[in-house]
Amino acid sequence: MLRGRIVPPKHGSDLGEWWTANLPKAVVVWAMAEGGGLAALVLGWISGDTTLMALGAAVGLALLFVNRPARLQSMY
C-alpha cells in the first residue's frame, strides 16, 4: 500500500535526486515492516508462543524483501 506511493524514477533522471526526494517514504515503509515483525516477536516472546514468534519473523522478513531499495528503483 505504501510502496505504491513512491513514484519510480523516470528513465534518464538522476538517482541521487530521486533518492533524496523518496528516502523518507522508503524509510517509513521499512520501519513499518520491521516494527510489525518486531512487535510480533516481542509479543510471542512475552507470551511464550513460538508460533507467533516464527510468524512475526517470517512476515517481517517477507515485507523487508518485498520493499527492499533495489526493488524501488527496479523500474528504472
Foldseek 3Di string as FASTA:
>chain_A
DLLVVQDADDPPDDVVVSCVVCVVSLVVQLCVLQVQLVVQLVVCVVVVPVVSNVVSVVSSVVSCVCSPPCNSHVVD
